[in-house]
Amino acid sequence: MSDDAIPEFGSKAAGGGVGLGSVSLGAGGGRTLAEIAVILLVAVVIIGGLEFLLGWYQVPEYVLPKPSAIAAAFVKELPNVAPHWGYSVVTLLSGFGIGAGIGLLLAAVITQFPFVEKVITPYILILVTTPMLALVPLLILRFGFGYTPRIIAVSLATGPMVMINAATGFRRTDSAKIALARSYGASVLQIFWKIRAPMALPMILVGLMVGGIFGLLTTVGAEMAGGGFGLGNRLTTYSSMIRMPEFFAVILILSGMGILIYVIFFLIGKKWASWET
């Protein structure tokens, strides 16, 4: 073996303890047919029960529409809502990409340079504890009603979540592996890319998932605060017109987007970080 070569390391957590797989997206196996059947049965019971009870008690549609009315509104309004869904996706992906990129970069820097961490940590805490929606009116006042204030708000909501989880993953690297790599002459960059980054991948994926969910919430809130496009704008429009079936149809779309975010990072974790289980 050459002097600059870095040996391959096992994936077991240090000390024989449980790795990050206990909380990572890569953990868990597939459901059985019986479990899937029970899940579907519960959904049918809930939906059917709501349909029956709302009809039995003659609850007004503007208070709570029947599931059948929501489904009909979903099909009817889909061509009108689809462009607004596209606007929301553009906002979410743009803000998420910028925020996640900056968050990962800051996580890598603060784990390598403790002085930088001491300097920027107070500002990160401010971002984490400040509701980004409170800044949307100020951003709209400065940048107008277009994409810019929304993307900035989503980036500010996403970045800290990604940074905190990624930094936690980078710090949890087994010090014995790092010491062994240094004994083989590995540089700081080699240690980071070959040891810290792979070992931190489960926590990075958790941070990306949480950041994606926070980004979706911020996207909808920013669209409700101002502007004439996006799913958040549709929620404001339908509620002001007391069109509750259409309102809940948009809620279903947003719920589907949130579930999709979770499923995407779950599958990525299952593919690339399942070794932590």
Foldseek 3Di string as FASTA:
>chain_A
DALQDADDDALQAPPNDAFCLVPFLQDDDDDDPVVVVVVVVVVCCVLVVQQVVCVVVVPDVLVPNRPVLLVVLLVVCVVVQVVLAVQLVVLLVLLLVLLLVLLLVVLVVCLVPVVVCVVCVVVLVVLAPDQLLVCLVVLCVVPNQDSVSLSPSLSSQQNSLLNVLLNVQLVSFDVVSVVSSVSSVHDPVRCCVNTRCLSSVRSNLVSSLVSSVSSLVSSLSSVCVHHCGHLNNVLNVCNVVSVVSNNVNSVVVSVVVNVVSSVVSSVVCSVRVSSSD
